[in-house]
Amino acid sequence: MSGYISLFLHALAQVLSIALNLYMYIIIARAILSWVNPDPYNPIVQFLNRITEPVLYRVRKAIPMHGIGIDLSPILIILAIYFLQIFLVGSLEHTAASLR
C-alpha cells in the first residue's frame, strides 16, 4: 500500500512542479508585455491579465512600492514560486522516496 502512496506523492509533486513552472512563465510573459504597452483588447493580453492580476494585486497591496517607480511584484512572485518548488515539491519528493 505504501508503494501506491509513494507513487501518488511523486506524481503530485511532478504535477505541482509543472503548474508552478507554467505560472512562472505566465508571470514573465505578463511582465515583458507590460514593457511594450500591448493592445488591451487582445485576447492573449486579456487572458494573461485575468490569470495574473489577482496574485499581483495581492502582492502590491501587501507590500506597497509606490516610491520605487518600478513594479517588483512579478519578481517577488517568481521568488515565491522558487521557494514553493524547493520546499513543497522537494518535501513531497522526499516523503515519496522515504515511503518506497
PDB file of N, CA and C in Angstrom:
ATOM      1  N   MET A   1       0.812  -1.198   0.000  1.00  0.00           N
ATOM      2  CA  MET A   1       0.000   0.000   0.000  1.00  0.00           C
ATOM      3  C   MET A   1       0.855   1.262   0.000  1.00  0.00           C
ATOM      4  N   SER A   2       1.979   1.229   0.706  1.00  0.00           N
ATOM      5  CA  SER A   2       2.831   2.417   0.745  1.00  0.00           C
ATOM      6  C   SER A   2       3.442   2.710  -0.627  1.00  0.00           C
ATOM      7  N   GLY A   3       3.543   1.696  -1.478  1.00  0.00           N
ATOM      8  CA  GLY A   3       4.039   1.909  -2.832  1.00  0.00           C
ATOM      9  C   GLY A   3       3.109   2.805  -3.637  1.00  0.00           C
ATOM     10  N   TYR A   4       1.791   2.616  -3.443  1.00  0.00           N
ATOM     11  CA  TYR A   4       0.812   3.457  -4.138  1.00  0.00           C
ATOM     12  C   TYR A   4       0.823   4.886  -3.611  1.00  0.00           C
ATOM     13  N   ILE A   5       0.971   5.020  -2.313  1.00  0.00           N
ATOM     14  CA  ILE A   5       1.029   6.359  -1.723  1.00  0.00           C
ATOM     15  C   ILE A   5       2.291   7.075  -2.198  1.00  0.00           C
ATOM     16  N   SER A   6       3.394   6.338  -2.249  1.00  0.00           N
ATOM     17  CA  SER A   6       4.644   6.912  -2.736  1.00  0.00           C
ATOM     18  C   SER A   6       4.505   7.368  -4.184  1.00  0.00           C
ATOM     19  N   LEU A   7       3.889   6.535  -5.000  1.00  0.00           N
ATOM     20  CA  LEU A   7       3.682   6.878  -6.410  1.00  0.00           C
ATOM     21  C   LEU A   7       2.761   8.095  -6.544  1.00  0.00           C
ATOM     22  N   PHE A   8       1.702   8.139  -5.725  1.00  0.00           N
ATOM     23  CA  PHE A   8       0.783   9.273  -5.750  1.00  0.00           C
ATOM     24  C   PHE A   8       1.503  10.563  -5.368  1.00  0.00           C
ATOM     25  N   LEU A   9       2.303  10.528  -4.297  1.00  0.00           N
ATOM     26  CA  LEU A   9       3.027  11.725  -3.867  1.00  0.00           C
ATOM     27  C   LEU A   9       4.045  12.174  -4.910  1.00  0.00           C
ATOM     28  N   HIS A  10       4.698  11.216  -5.554  1.00  0.00           N
ATOM     29  CA  HIS A  10       5.647  11.561  -6.621  1.00  0.00           C
ATOM     30  C   HIS A  10       4.917  12.231  -7.787  1.00  0.00           C
ATOM     31  N   ALA A  11       3.774  11.672  -8.187  1.00  0.00           N
ATOM     32  CA  ALA A  11       3.001  12.248  -9.288  1.00  0.00           C
ATOM     33  C   ALA A  11       2.479  13.639  -8.910  1.00  0.00           C
ATOM     34  N   LEU A  12       2.020  13.789  -7.678  1.00  0.00           N
ATOM     35  CA  LEU A  12       1.536  15.085  -7.209  1.00  0.00           C
ATOM     36  C   LEU A  12       2.654  16.125  -7.230  1.00  0.00           C
ATOM     37  N   ALA A  13       3.837  15.727  -6.812  1.00  0.00           N
ATOM     38  CA  ALA A  13       4.982  16.635  -6.826  1.00  0.00           C
ATOM     39  C   ALA A  13       5.317  17.065  -8.252  1.00  0.00           C
ATOM     40  N   GLN A  14       5.266  16.134  -9.187  1.00  0.00           N
ATOM     41  CA  GLN A  14       5.581  16.460 -10.575  1.00  0.00           C
ATOM     42  C   GLN A  14       4.540  17.399 -11.185  1.00  0.00           C
ATOM     43  N   VAL A  15       3.269  17.132 -10.935  1.00  0.00           N
ATOM     44  CA  VAL A  15       2.204  17.995 -11.462  1.00  0.00           C
ATOM     45  C   VAL A  15       2.304  19.388 -10.853  1.00  0.00           C
ATOM     46  N   LEU A  16       2.563  19.459  -9.557  1.00  0.00           N
ATOM     47  CA  LEU A  16       2.719  20.751  -8.894  1.00  0.00           C
ATOM     48  C   LEU A  16       3.920  21.514  -9.455  1.00  0.00           C
ATOM     49  N   SER A  17       5.003  20.817  -9.710  1.00  0.00           N
ATOM     50  CA  SER A  17       6.187  21.452 -10.280  1.00  0.00           C
ATOM     51  C   SER A  17       5.891  22.021 -11.671  1.00  0.00           C
ATOM     52  N   ILE A  18       5.187  21.262 -12.490  1.00  0.00           N
ATOM     53  CA  ILE A  18       4.830  21.733 -13.829  1.00  0.00           C
ATOM     54  C   ILE A  18       3.906  22.944 -13.743  1.00  0.00           C
ATOM     55  N   ALA A  19       2.922  22.907 -12.849  1.00  0.00           N
ATOM     56  CA  ALA A  19       1.989  24.019 -12.700  1.00  0.00           C
ATOM     57  C   ALA A  19       2.716  25.278 -12.227  1.00  0.00           C
ATOM     58  N   LEU A  20       3.636  25.131 -11.289  1.00  0.00           N
ATOM     59  CA  LEU A  20       4.393  26.288 -10.808  1.00  0.00           C
ATOM     60  C   LEU A  20       5.285  26.859 -11.907  1.00  0.00           C
ATOM     61  N   ASN A  21       5.933  25.988 -12.685  1.00  0.00           N
ATOM     62  CA  ASN A  21       6.752  26.451 -13.809  1.00  0.00           C
ATOM     63  C   ASN A  21       5.913  27.188 -14.839  1.00  0.00           C
ATOM     64  N   LEU A  22       4.753  26.643 -15.164  1.00  0.00           N
ATOM     65  CA  LEU A  22       3.868  27.274 -16.137  1.00  0.00           C
ATOM     66  C   LEU A  22       3.430  28.657 -15.651  1.00  0.00           C
ATOM     67  N   TYR A  23       3.058  28.761 -14.377  1.00  0.00           N
ATOM     68  CA  TYR A  23       2.628  30.056 -13.852  1.00  0.00           C
ATOM     69  C   TYR A  23       3.792  31.047 -13.828  1.00  0.00           C
ATOM     70  N   MET A  24       4.995  30.563 -13.559  1.00  0.00           N
ATOM     71  CA  MET A  24       6.158  31.443 -13.575  1.00  0.00           C
ATOM     72  C   MET A  24       6.376  32.013 -14.980  1.00  0.00           C
ATOM     73  N   TYR A  25       6.240  31.189 -16.004  1.00  0.00           N
ATOM     74  CA  TYR A  25       6.406  31.676 -17.369  1.00  0.00           C
ATOM     75  C   TYR A  25       5.288  32.643 -17.750  1.00  0.00           C
ATOM     76  N   ILE A  26       4.086  32.422 -17.236  1.00  0.00           N
ATOM     77  CA  ILE A  26       2.987  33.347 -17.493  1.00  0.00           C
ATOM     78  C   ILE A  26       3.274  34.696 -16.840  1.00  0.00           C
ATOM     79  N   ILE A  27       3.806  34.688 -15.625  1.00  0.00           N
ATOM     80  CA  ILE A  27       4.182  35.932 -14.940  1.00  0.00           C
ATOM     81  C   ILE A  27       5.269  36.663 -15.731  1.00  0.00           C
ATOM     82  N   ILE A  28       6.247  35.921 -16.229  1.00  0.00           N
ATOM     83  CA  ILE A  28       7.326  36.527 -17.020  1.00  0.00           C
ATOM     84  C   ILE A  28       6.760  37.140 -18.303  1.00  0.00           C
ATOM     85  N   ALA A  29       5.858  36.422 -18.972  1.00  0.00           N
ATOM     86  CA  ALA A  29       5.247  36.954 -20.195  1.00  0.00           C
ATOM     87  C   ALA A  29       4.468  38.225 -19.903  1.00  0.00           C
ATOM     88  N   ARG A  30       3.756  38.234 -18.796  1.00  0.00           N
ATOM     89  CA  ARG A  30       2.998  39.442 -18.412  1.00  0.00           C
ATOM     90  C   ARG A  30       3.936  40.612 -18.162  1.00  0.00           C
ATOM     91  N   ALA A  31       5.048  40.358 -17.475  1.00  0.00           N
ATOM     92  CA  ALA A  31       5.999  41.431 -17.183  1.00  0.00           C
ATOM     93  C   ALA A  31       6.622  41.974 -18.475  1.00  0.00           C
ATOM     94  N   ILE A  32       6.972  41.096 -19.385  1.00  0.00           N
ATOM     95  CA  ILE A  32       7.575  41.533 -20.648  1.00  0.00           C
ATOM     96  C   ILE A  32       6.567  42.323 -21.477  1.00  0.00           C
ATOM     97  N   LEU A  33       5.323  41.861 -21.500  1.00  0.00           N
ATOM     98  CA  LEU A  33       4.298  42.587 -22.253  1.00  0.00           C
ATOM     99  C   LEU A  33       4.037  43.976 -21.666  1.00  0.00           C
ATOM    100  N   SER A  34       4.226  44.127 -20.382  1.00  0.00           N
ATOM    101  CA  SER A  34       3.987  45.446 -19.784  1.00  0.00           C
ATOM    102  C   SER A  34       5.016  46.476 -20.251  1.00  0.00           C
ATOM    103  N   TRP A  35       6.135  46.024 -20.749  1.00  0.00           N
ATOM    104  CA  TRP A  35       7.160  46.953 -21.241  1.00  0.00           C
ATOM    105  C   TRP A  35       6.785  47.561 -22.576  1.00  0.00           C
ATOM    106  N   VAL A  36       5.965  46.863 -23.380  1.00  0.00           N
ATOM    107  CA  VAL A  36       5.678  47.314 -24.741  1.00  0.00           C
ATOM    108  C   VAL A  36       4.288  47.912 -24.912  1.00  0.00           C
ATOM    109  N   ASN A  37       3.503  48.018 -23.829  1.00  0.00           N
ATOM    110  CA  ASN A  37       2.172  48.608 -23.864  1.00  0.00           C
ATOM    111  C   ASN A  37       1.299  47.937 -24.938  1.00  0.00           C
ATOM    112  N   PRO A  38       0.917  46.673 -24.722  1.00  0.00           N
ATOM    113  CA  PRO A  38       0.154  45.939 -25.738  1.00  0.00           C
ATOM    114  C   PRO A  38      -1.303  46.399 -25.808  1.00  0.00           C
ATOM    115  N   ASP A  39      -1.970  45.955 -26.854  1.00  0.00           N
ATOM    116  CA  ASP A  39      -3.390  46.259 -27.043  1.00  0.00           C
ATOM    117  C   ASP A  39      -4.201  45.554 -25.946  1.00  0.00           C
ATOM    118  N   PRO A  40      -4.923  46.304 -25.107  1.00  0.00           N
ATOM    119  CA  PRO A  40      -5.661  45.668 -24.010  1.00  0.00           C
ATOM    120  C   PRO A  40      -6.841  44.813 -24.467  1.00  0.00           C
ATOM    121  N   TYR A  41      -7.234  44.926 -25.725  1.00  0.00           N
ATOM    122  CA  TYR A  41      -8.347  44.127 -26.243  1.00  0.00           C
ATOM    123  C   TYR A  41      -7.889  42.823 -26.885  1.00  0.00           C
ATOM    124  N   ASN A  42      -6.590  42.614 -26.948  1.00  0.00           N
ATOM    125  CA  ASN A  42      -6.057  41.363 -27.474  1.00  0.00           C
ATOM    126  C   ASN A  42      -6.433  40.232 -26.518  1.00  0.00           C
ATOM    127  N   PRO A  43      -6.974  39.114 -27.031  1.00  0.00           N
ATOM    128  CA  PRO A  43      -7.401  38.017 -26.146  1.00  0.00           C
ATOM    129  C   PRO A  43      -6.264  37.421 -25.315  1.00  0.00           C
ATOM    130  N   ILE A  44      -5.072  37.373 -25.880  1.00  0.00           N
ATOM    131  CA  ILE A  44      -3.938  36.828 -25.130  1.00  0.00           C
ATOM    132  C   ILE A  44      -3.580  37.752 -23.973  1.00  0.00           C
ATOM    133  N   VAL A  45      -3.571  39.044 -24.238  1.00  0.00           N
ATOM    134  CA  VAL A  45      -3.281  40.021 -23.188  1.00  0.00           C
ATOM    135  C   VAL A  45      -4.355  39.969 -22.107  1.00  0.00           C
ATOM    136  N   GLN A  46      -5.612  39.855 -22.506  1.00  0.00           N
ATOM    137  CA  GLN A  46      -6.692  39.751 -21.532  1.00  0.00           C
ATOM    138  C   GLN A  46      -6.567  38.491 -20.685  1.00  0.00           C
ATOM    139  N   PHE A  47      -6.213  37.377 -21.312  1.00  0.00           N
ATOM    140  CA  PHE A  47      -6.014  36.128 -20.565  1.00  0.00           C
ATOM    141  C   PHE A  47      -4.883  36.270 -19.555  1.00  0.00           C
ATOM    142  N   LEU A  48      -3.750  36.822 -19.992  1.00  0.00           N
ATOM    143  CA  LEU A  48      -2.617  37.000 -19.085  1.00  0.00           C
ATOM    144  C   LEU A  48      -2.982  37.919 -17.917  1.00  0.00           C
ATOM    145  N   ASN A  49      -3.735  38.971 -18.199  1.00  0.00           N
ATOM    146  CA  ASN A  49      -4.159  39.879 -17.135  1.00  0.00           C
ATOM    147  C   ASN A  49      -5.110  39.190 -16.150  1.00  0.00           C
ATOM    148  N   ARG A  50      -6.071  38.422 -16.683  1.00  0.00           N
ATOM    149  CA  ARG A  50      -7.030  37.742 -15.807  1.00  0.00           C
ATOM    150  C   ARG A  50      -6.366  36.710 -14.913  1.00  0.00           C
ATOM    151  N   ILE A  51      -5.367  36.017 -15.421  1.00  0.00           N
ATOM    152  CA  ILE A  51      -4.764  34.926 -14.656  1.00  0.00           C
ATOM    153  C   ILE A  51      -3.673  35.413 -13.694  1.00  0.00           C
ATOM    154  N   THR A  52      -3.103  36.584 -13.955  1.00  0.00           N
ATOM    155  CA  THR A  52      -2.013  37.059 -13.100  1.00  0.00           C
ATOM    156  C   THR A  52      -2.410  38.203 -12.172  1.00  0.00           C
ATOM    157  N   GLU A  53      -3.378  39.007 -12.550  1.00  0.00           N
ATOM    158  CA  GLU A  53      -3.693  40.201 -11.764  1.00  0.00           C
ATOM    159  C   GLU A  53      -4.147  39.910 -10.334  1.00  0.00           C
ATOM    160  N   PRO A  54      -4.933  38.854 -10.077  1.00  0.00           N
ATOM    161  CA  PRO A  54      -5.298  38.600  -8.673  1.00  0.00           C
ATOM    162  C   PRO A  54      -4.086  38.397  -7.756  1.00  0.00           C
ATOM    163  N   VAL A  55      -3.093  37.686  -8.229  1.00  0.00           N
ATOM    164  CA  VAL A  55      -1.894  37.442  -7.413  1.00  0.00           C
ATOM    165  C   VAL A  55      -1.033  38.699  -7.339  1.00  0.00           C
ATOM    166  N   LEU A  56      -0.841  39.354  -8.481  1.00  0.00           N
ATOM    167  CA  LEU A  56      -0.050  40.582  -8.494  1.00  0.00           C
ATOM    168  C   LEU A  56      -0.680  41.654  -7.611  1.00  0.00           C
ATOM    169  N   TYR A  57      -2.008  41.751  -7.637  1.00  0.00           N
ATOM    170  CA  TYR A  57      -2.701  42.750  -6.831  1.00  0.00           C
ATOM    171  C   TYR A  57      -2.482  42.500  -5.338  1.00  0.00           C
ATOM    172  N   ARG A  58      -2.563  41.244  -4.941  1.00  0.00           N
ATOM    173  CA  ARG A  58      -2.367  40.922  -3.520  1.00  0.00           C
ATOM    174  C   ARG A  58      -0.952  41.255  -3.059  1.00  0.00           C
ATOM    175  N   VAL A  59       0.030  41.006  -3.910  1.00  0.00           N
ATOM    176  CA  VAL A  59       1.413  41.329  -3.543  1.00  0.00           C
ATOM    177  C   VAL A  59       1.585  42.846  -3.476  1.00  0.00           C
ATOM    178  N   ARG A  60       1.037  43.562  -4.455  1.00  0.00           N
ATOM    179  CA  ARG A  60       1.135  45.026  -4.448  1.00  0.00           C
ATOM    180  C   ARG A  60       0.445  45.627  -3.227  1.00  0.00           C
ATOM    181  N   LYS A  61      -0.661  45.037  -2.826  1.00  0.00           N
ATOM    182  CA  LYS A  61      -1.400  45.535  -1.669  1.00  0.00           C
ATOM    183  C   LYS A  61      -0.650  45.227  -0.364  1.00  0.00           C
ATOM    184  N   ALA A  62      -0.038  44.049  -0.280  1.00  0.00           N
ATOM    185  CA  ALA A  62       0.668  43.645   0.936  1.00  0.00           C
ATOM    186  C   ALA A  62       1.986  44.392   1.104  1.00  0.00           C
ATOM    187  N   ILE A  63       2.666  44.667  -0.009  1.00  0.00           N
ATOM    188  CA  ILE A  63       3.969  45.332   0.042  1.00  0.00           C
ATOM    189  C   ILE A  63       3.901  46.571  -0.847  1.00  0.00           C
ATOM    190  N   PRO A  64       3.514  47.702  -0.283  1.00  0.00           N
ATOM    191  CA  PRO A  64       3.414  48.914  -1.111  1.00  0.00           C
ATOM    192  C   PRO A  64       4.790  49.376  -1.600  1.00  0.00           C
ATOM    193  N   MET A  65       4.869  49.647  -2.890  1.00  0.00           N
ATOM    194  CA  MET A  65       6.125  50.072  -3.507  1.00  0.00           C
ATOM    195  C   MET A  65       5.888  51.323  -4.343  1.00  0.00           C
ATOM    196  N   HIS A  66       5.237  52.309  -3.766  1.00  0.00           N
ATOM    197  CA  HIS A  66       4.824  53.495  -4.517  1.00  0.00           C
ATOM    198  C   HIS A  66       6.000  54.368  -4.955  1.00  0.00           C
ATOM    199  N   GLY A  67       6.985  54.566  -4.117  1.00  0.00           N
ATOM    200  CA  GLY A  67       8.062  55.488  -4.429  1.00  0.00           C
ATOM    201  C   GLY A  67       9.182  54.897  -5.255  1.00  0.00           C
ATOM    202  N   ILE A  68       9.108  53.622  -5.583  1.00  0.00           N
ATOM    203  CA  ILE A  68      10.207  52.959  -6.293  1.00  0.00           C
ATOM    204  C   ILE A  68      10.216  53.300  -7.778  1.00  0.00           C
ATOM    205  N   GLY A  69       9.044  53.345  -8.397  1.00  0.00           N
ATOM    206  CA  GLY A  69       8.967  53.654  -9.819  1.00  0.00           C
ATOM    207  C   GLY A  69       9.002  52.425 -10.703  1.00  0.00           C
ATOM    208  N   ILE A  70       9.154  51.256 -10.117  1.00  0.00           N
ATOM    209  CA  ILE A  70       9.153  50.001 -10.867  1.00  0.00           C
ATOM    210  C   ILE A  70       8.337  48.988 -10.072  1.00  0.00           C
ATOM    211  N   ASP A  71       7.601  48.171 -10.787  1.00  0.00           N
ATOM    212  CA  ASP A  71       6.764  47.156 -10.146  1.00  0.00           C
ATOM    213  C   ASP A  71       7.605  45.908  -9.886  1.00  0.00           C
ATOM    214  N   LEU A  72       7.882  45.642  -8.627  1.00  0.00           N
ATOM    215  CA  LEU A  72       8.689  44.479  -8.257  1.00  0.00           C
ATOM    216  C   LEU A  72       7.844  43.259  -7.917  1.00  0.00           C
ATOM    217  N   SER A  73       6.521  43.377  -8.017  1.00  0.00           N
ATOM    218  CA  SER A  73       5.667  42.253  -7.645  1.00  0.00           C
ATOM    219  C   SER A  73       5.908  40.990  -8.485  1.00  0.00           C
ATOM    220  N   PRO A  74       6.177  41.075  -9.809  1.00  0.00           N
ATOM    221  CA  PRO A  74       6.480  39.838 -10.537  1.00  0.00           C
ATOM    222  C   PRO A  74       7.740  39.142 -10.011  1.00  0.00           C
ATOM    223  N   ILE A  75       8.739  39.922  -9.618  1.00  0.00           N
ATOM    224  CA  ILE A  75       9.964  39.321  -9.085  1.00  0.00           C
ATOM    225  C   ILE A  75       9.676  38.617  -7.763  1.00  0.00           C
ATOM    226  N   LEU A  76       8.867  39.246  -6.916  1.00  0.00           N
ATOM    227  CA  LEU A  76       8.523  38.630  -5.640  1.00  0.00           C
ATOM    228  C   LEU A  76       7.723  37.350  -5.836  1.00  0.00           C
ATOM    229  N   ILE A  77       6.847  37.343  -6.817  1.00  0.00           N
ATOM    230  CA  ILE A  77       6.062  36.133  -7.094  1.00  0.00           C
ATOM    231  C   ILE A  77       6.952  35.026  -7.632  1.00  0.00           C
ATOM    232  N   ILE A  78       7.895  35.371  -8.493  1.00  0.00           N
ATOM    233  CA  ILE A  78       8.821  34.366  -9.018  1.00  0.00           C
ATOM    234  C   ILE A  78       9.675  33.788  -7.887  1.00  0.00           C
ATOM    235  N   LEU A  79      10.106  34.625  -6.963  1.00  0.00           N
ATOM    236  CA  LEU A  79      10.854  34.124  -5.800  1.00  0.00           C
ATOM    237  C   LEU A  79       9.987  33.198  -4.953  1.00  0.00           C
ATOM    238  N   ALA A  80       8.724  33.544  -4.789  1.00  0.00           N
ATOM    239  CA  ALA A  80       7.813  32.681  -4.034  1.00  0.00           C
ATOM    240  C   ALA A  80       7.604  31.343  -4.748  1.00  0.00           C
ATOM    241  N   ILE A  81       7.529  31.377  -6.068  1.00  0.00           N
ATOM    242  CA  ILE A  81       7.386  30.140  -6.834  1.00  0.00           C
ATOM    243  C   ILE A  81       8.621  29.265  -6.658  1.00  0.00           C
ATOM    244  N   TYR A  82       9.815  29.866  -6.709  1.00  0.00           N
ATOM    245  CA  TYR A  82      11.031  29.092  -6.481  1.00  0.00           C
ATOM    246  C   TYR A  82      11.041  28.482  -5.085  1.00  0.00           C
ATOM    247  N   PHE A  83      10.603  29.253  -4.090  1.00  0.00           N
ATOM    248  CA  PHE A  83      10.532  28.725  -2.734  1.00  0.00           C
ATOM    249  C   PHE A  83       9.592  27.525  -2.675  1.00  0.00           C
ATOM    250  N   LEU A  84       8.412  27.650  -3.291  1.00  0.00           N
ATOM    251  CA  LEU A  84       7.457  26.538  -3.286  1.00  0.00           C
ATOM    252  C   LEU A  84       8.008  25.312  -4.009  1.00  0.00           C
ATOM    253  N   GLN A  85       8.745  25.547  -5.096  1.00  0.00           N
ATOM    254  CA  GLN A  85       9.324  24.417  -5.809  1.00  0.00           C
ATOM    255  C   GLN A  85      10.362  23.699  -4.955  1.00  0.00           C
ATOM    256  N   ILE A  86      11.175  24.464  -4.267  1.00  0.00           N
ATOM    257  CA  ILE A  86      12.212  23.837  -3.457  1.00  0.00           C
ATOM    258  C   ILE A  86      11.612  23.192  -2.213  1.00  0.00           C
ATOM    259  N   PHE A  87      10.771  23.931  -1.500  1.00  0.00           N
ATOM    260  CA  PHE A  87      10.263  23.431  -0.223  1.00  0.00           C
ATOM    261  C   PHE A  87       9.133  22.422  -0.394  1.00  0.00           C
ATOM    262  N   LEU A  88       8.059  22.818  -1.087  1.00  0.00           N
ATOM    263  CA  LEU A  88       6.883  21.971  -1.176  1.00  0.00           C
ATOM    264  C   LEU A  88       7.103  20.764  -2.088  1.00  0.00           C
ATOM    265  N   VAL A  89       7.576  21.016  -3.292  1.00  0.00           N
ATOM    266  CA  VAL A  89       7.813  19.911  -4.221  1.00  0.00           C
ATOM    267  C   VAL A  89       8.920  19.011  -3.680  1.00  0.00           C
ATOM    268  N   GLY A  90       9.959  19.618  -3.115  1.00  0.00           N
ATOM    269  CA  GLY A  90      11.038  18.823  -2.532  1.00  0.00           C
ATOM    270  C   GLY A  90      10.571  17.974  -1.368  1.00  0.00           C
ATOM    271  N   SER A  91       9.701  18.531  -0.540  1.00  0.00           N
ATOM    272  CA  SER A  91       9.162  17.768   0.595  1.00  0.00           C
ATOM    273  C   SER A  91       8.317  16.592   0.116  1.00  0.00           C
ATOM    274  N   LEU A  92       7.499  16.841  -0.897  1.00  0.00           N
ATOM    275  CA  LEU A  92       6.692  15.744  -1.446  1.00  0.00           C
ATOM    276  C   LEU A  92       7.577  14.649  -2.041  1.00  0.00           C
ATOM    277  N   GLU A  93       8.604  15.050  -2.781  1.00  0.00           N
ATOM    278  CA  GLU A  93       9.529  14.061  -3.354  1.00  0.00           C
ATOM    279  C   GLU A  93      10.268  13.287  -2.267  1.00  0.00           C
ATOM    280  N   HIS A  94      10.713  13.970  -1.228  1.00  0.00           N
ATOM    281  CA  HIS A  94      11.420  13.323  -0.126  1.00  0.00           C
ATOM    282  C   HIS A  94      10.497  12.335   0.594  1.00  0.00           C
ATOM    283  N   THR A  95       9.257  12.733   0.837  1.00  0.00           N
ATOM    284  CA  THR A  95       8.298  11.847   1.501  1.00  0.00           C
ATOM    285  C   THR A  95       7.998  10.634   0.627  1.00  0.00           C
ATOM    286  N   ALA A  96       7.839  10.864  -0.675  1.00  0.00           N
ATOM    287  CA  ALA A  96       7.586   9.760  -1.587  1.00  0.00           C
ATOM    288  C   ALA A  96       8.760   8.787  -1.610  1.00  0.00           C
ATOM    289  N   ALA A  97       9.977   9.317  -1.581  1.00  0.00           N
ATOM    290  CA  ALA A  97      11.150   8.445  -1.611  1.00  0.00           C
ATOM    291  C   ALA A  97      11.279   7.661  -0.304  1.00  0.00           C
ATOM    292  N   SER A  98      10.903   8.257   0.807  1.00  0.00           N
ATOM    293  CA  SER A  98      11.037   7.543   2.087  1.00  0.00           C
ATOM    294  C   SER A  98       9.981   6.471   2.257  1.00  0.00           C
ATOM    295  N   LEU A  99       8.896   6.533   1.508  1.00  0.00           N
ATOM    296  CA  LEU A  99       7.847   5.518   1.595  1.00  0.00           C
ATOM    297  C   LEU A  99       8.118   4.301   0.717  1.00  0.00           C
ATOM    298  N   ARG A 100       9.103   4.383  -0.121  1.00  0.00           N
ATOM    299  CA  ARG A 100       9.395   3.260  -1.036  1.00  0.00           C
ATOM    300  C   ARG A 100       9.936   2.076  -0.308  1.00  0.00           C
TER     301      ARG A 100
END
